[in-house]
Amino acid sequence: MARAVAVPVSADIEAGYQLPATDLVERLILAGAVGCNIEDTDHHGSGRLVSAEAQADRLAQIKAAAEAFGVDIVLNARIDVFRFTDDHAHVVGEAIERAQLYLLAGVDCVYPIRLADAALIAEFVSAVDGPVNILARNAPTIPYLAQLGVARISFADELFQITLAALSERLRAIASELPA
């Protein structure tokens, strides 16, 4: 993809596939990406969250590896606390603490995925001293997110799903026109 477009590419690389920071960054750069999202979910263990301190250490290692390669990758630290509960007000404090630790570790942006309530987004943005990325799905409008101070908006697979649905609908219409 990076070779097919004339804009910078950022990759969603989950939690980094257990790769050491140097290997992760080398593969990212070789693929042509200049940024990535890194999740704090433990995909190869409990399936819950990695400790905030361990994640901050990993993020710092990734930034250091990128610096060693001479590429200042954009590191977007995904914060997954909202994935594990519907009571987002109850965990917003933990998300803020994680965001502050990750920013101190050198990330460029924090991404509290599934945080969609306008009041909680406002609380999060005002408490975090750094750029915040919000998932557009179920969130306030883009202009309102901008008013709240959100710096980056992600669409995840939303545009792909819309395209796929339109394609499926058109293919069904074509199939219905074919003789039996």
Protein backbone atom coordinates (compact mmCIF):
# COMPACT_ATOMS: atom_id res chain seq x y z
CA MET A 1 0.00 0.00 0.00
CA ALA A 2 2.76 2.44 0.91
CA ARG A 3 4.21 2.15 -2.59
CA ALA A 4 0.81 2.67 -4.23
CA VAL A 5 -0.06 6.01 -2.63
CA ALA A 6 1.63 9.40 -2.46
CA VAL A 7 0.73 10.07 1.18
CA PRO A 8 2.36 8.85 4.39
CA VAL A 9 1.07 5.46 5.58
CA SER A 10 0.42 4.51 9.18
CA ALA A 11 -0.06 0.82 9.97
CA ASP A 12 -2.34 -0.79 12.53
CA ILE A 13 -0.01 -3.43 13.92
CA GLU A 14 -2.10 -4.57 16.88
CA ALA A 15 0.27 -5.06 19.85
CA GLY A 16 3.34 -5.63 17.68
CA TYR A 17 3.08 -9.40 17.22
CA GLN A 18 5.55 -10.05 20.06
CA LEU A 19 8.39 -8.67 17.97
CA PRO A 20 11.28 -6.94 19.73
CA ALA A 21 11.16 -3.19 19.16
CA THR A 22 14.08 -3.18 16.71
CA ASP A 23 12.56 -5.92 14.53
CA LEU A 24 9.13 -4.28 14.66
CA VAL A 25 10.46 -0.89 13.56
CA GLU A 26 12.69 -2.41 10.86
CA ARG A 27 9.72 -4.29 9.35
CA LEU A 28 7.53 -1.21 9.59
CA ILE A 29 10.10 0.91 7.76
CA LEU A 30 10.78 -1.77 5.13
CA ALA A 31 7.03 -1.92 4.46
CA GLY A 32 7.11 1.81 3.77
CA ALA A 33 5.07 2.92 6.77
CA VAL A 34 6.05 6.00 8.75
CA GLY A 35 3.72 5.46 11.67
CA CYS A 36 1.73 2.87 13.54
CA ASN A 37 -0.90 2.15 16.16
CA ILE A 38 0.20 -0.06 19.07
CA GLU A 39 -2.45 -1.55 21.38
CA ASP A 40 -2.06 -2.21 25.09
CA THR A 41 -4.08 -5.44 24.98
CA ASP A 42 -2.13 -8.62 25.74
CA HIS A 43 -3.04 -10.73 22.70
CA HIS A 44 -0.65 -13.52 23.61
CA GLY A 45 -1.46 -13.89 27.28
CA SER A 46 -4.48 -12.98 29.36
CA GLY A 47 -6.27 -11.13 26.57
CA ARG A 48 -6.64 -8.25 29.02
CA LEU A 49 -4.45 -5.17 29.34
CA VAL A 50 -0.68 -5.11 29.64
CA SER A 51 0.38 -3.15 32.71
CA ALA A 52 0.63 0.56 31.95
CA GLU A 53 4.27 0.64 33.05
CA ALA A 54 5.24 -2.32 30.85
CA GLN A 55 3.43 -0.77 27.90
CA ALA A 56 5.10 2.61 28.43
CA ASP A 57 8.48 0.83 28.48
CA ARG A 58 7.65 -0.99 25.22
CA LEU A 59 6.54 2.26 23.58
CA ALA A 60 9.77 3.98 24.64
CA GLN A 61 11.75 1.07 23.15
CA ILE A 62 9.87 1.42 19.86
CA LYS A 63 10.58 5.17 19.68
CA ALA A 64 14.26 4.53 20.52
CA ALA A 65 14.51 1.85 17.83
CA ALA A 66 13.00 4.23 15.28
CA GLU A 67 15.47 6.91 16.28
CA ALA A 68 18.33 4.41 15.83
CA PHE A 69 17.05 3.75 12.30
CA GLY A 70 16.92 7.52 11.68
CA VAL A 71 13.14 7.55 11.16
CA ASP A 72 10.90 9.49 13.52
CA ILE A 73 7.85 7.25 13.19
CA VAL A 74 4.50 8.56 14.39
CA LEU A 75 3.56 6.33 17.30
CA ASN A 76 -0.16 6.31 18.13
CA ALA A 77 -0.65 4.52 21.46
CA ARG A 78 -4.00 2.78 21.59
CA ILE A 79 -5.59 2.62 25.03
CA ASP A 80 -7.97 -0.32 25.28
CA VAL A 81 -9.57 0.14 28.73
CA PHE A 82 -12.92 1.06 27.14
CA ARG A 83 -13.04 -2.26 25.26
CA PHE A 84 -13.53 -4.22 28.46
CA THR A 85 -16.50 -2.42 30.02
CA ASP A 86 -19.64 -0.52 29.12
CA ASP A 87 -19.14 1.74 32.15
CA HIS A 88 -16.76 4.15 30.46
CA ALA A 89 -17.08 6.78 33.20
CA HIS A 90 -15.68 4.22 35.64
CA VAL A 91 -12.43 3.69 33.67
CA VAL A 92 -11.76 7.15 32.23
CA GLY A 93 -9.32 7.84 35.07
CA GLU A 94 -7.31 4.73 34.21
CA ALA A 95 -7.31 5.75 30.55
CA ILE A 96 -5.99 9.20 31.47
CA GLU A 97 -3.24 7.68 33.61
CA ARG A 98 -2.23 5.37 30.76
CA ALA A 99 -2.26 8.26 28.30
CA GLN A 100 0.00 10.36 30.50
CA LEU A 101 2.47 7.48 30.95
CA TYR A 102 2.51 6.74 27.22
CA LEU A 103 3.09 10.39 26.35
CA LEU A 104 5.97 10.53 28.84
CA ALA A 105 7.38 7.47 27.05
CA GLY A 106 7.51 9.52 23.85
CA VAL A 107 4.42 8.58 21.85
CA ASP A 108 3.05 11.14 19.44
CA CYS A 109 -0.64 10.57 20.05
CA VAL A 110 -2.91 8.57 22.36
CA TYR A 111 -5.94 6.67 21.13
CA PRO A 112 -8.60 5.74 23.70
CA ILE A 113 -10.47 3.40 21.38
CA ARG A 114 -14.24 3.16 21.88
CA LEU A 115 -14.38 6.36 23.92
CA ALA A 116 -17.37 7.99 22.22
CA ASP A 117 -19.28 9.97 24.88
CA ALA A 118 -18.79 13.70 24.29
CA ALA A 119 -18.47 14.60 27.98
CA LEU A 120 -15.92 11.85 28.62
CA ILE A 121 -13.97 12.79 25.50
CA ALA A 122 -13.86 16.39 26.74
CA GLU A 123 -12.68 15.20 30.17
CA PHE A 124 -10.02 12.98 28.60
CA VAL A 125 -8.73 15.65 26.18
CA SER A 126 -8.54 18.32 28.90
CA ALA A 127 -6.66 15.99 31.29
CA VAL A 128 -4.15 14.67 28.77
CA ASP A 129 -1.23 16.86 27.78
CA GLY A 130 -0.86 15.67 24.21
CA PRO A 131 -2.67 14.88 20.96
CA VAL A 132 -5.73 12.61 21.22
CA ASN A 133 -7.08 10.30 18.49
CA ILE A 134 -10.77 9.31 18.61
CA LEU A 135 -12.56 6.59 16.63
CA ALA A 136 -15.33 8.24 14.59
CA ARG A 137 -17.74 5.32 15.01
CA ASN A 138 -20.55 6.29 17.44
CA ALA A 139 -18.68 9.47 18.39
CA PRO A 140 -19.87 13.07 18.03
CA THR A 141 -19.50 14.78 14.65
CA ILE A 142 -16.07 15.59 13.31
CA PRO A 143 -16.52 19.37 13.80
CA TYR A 144 -17.63 18.77 17.40
CA LEU A 145 -14.65 16.50 18.06
CA ALA A 146 -12.42 19.28 16.73
CA GLN A 147 -14.09 21.73 19.15
CA LEU A 148 -13.32 19.33 21.98
CA GLY A 149 -9.65 19.42 21.00
CA VAL A 150 -9.35 16.02 19.33
CA ALA A 151 -6.25 16.06 17.11
CA ARG A 152 -6.78 12.93 15.03
CA ILE A 153 -9.82 10.93 13.96
CA SER A 154 -9.73 7.30 12.86
CA PHE A 155 -12.33 5.47 10.81
CA ALA A 156 -10.91 1.95 11.27
CA ASP A 157 -12.73 -0.39 8.89
CA GLU A 158 -15.85 1.80 8.54
CA LEU A 159 -15.16 3.00 4.99
CA PHE A 160 -14.24 -0.52 3.89
CA GLN A 161 -17.47 -1.90 5.40
CA ILE A 162 -19.56 0.76 3.65
CA THR A 163 -17.87 -0.05 0.33
CA LEU A 164 -18.30 -3.79 0.85
CA ALA A 165 -22.01 -3.37 1.68
CA ALA A 166 -22.58 -1.29 -1.47
CA LEU A 167 -20.70 -3.84 -3.57
CA SER A 168 -22.69 -6.73 -2.08
CA GLU A 169 -25.96 -4.92 -2.73
CA ARG A 170 -25.02 -4.25 -6.35
CA LEU A 171 -23.93 -7.86 -6.91
CA ARG A 172 -27.26 -9.10 -5.49
CA ALA A 173 -29.09 -6.79 -7.90
CA ILE A 174 -27.05 -8.09 -10.83
CA ALA A 175 -27.67 -11.68 -9.78
CA SER A 176 -31.41 -11.06 -9.55
CA GLU A 177 -31.43 -9.90 -13.19
CA LEU A 178 -29.78 -13.08 -14.49
CA PRO A 179 -31.96 -15.77 -16.05
CA ALA A 180 -32.61 -18.75 -13.79
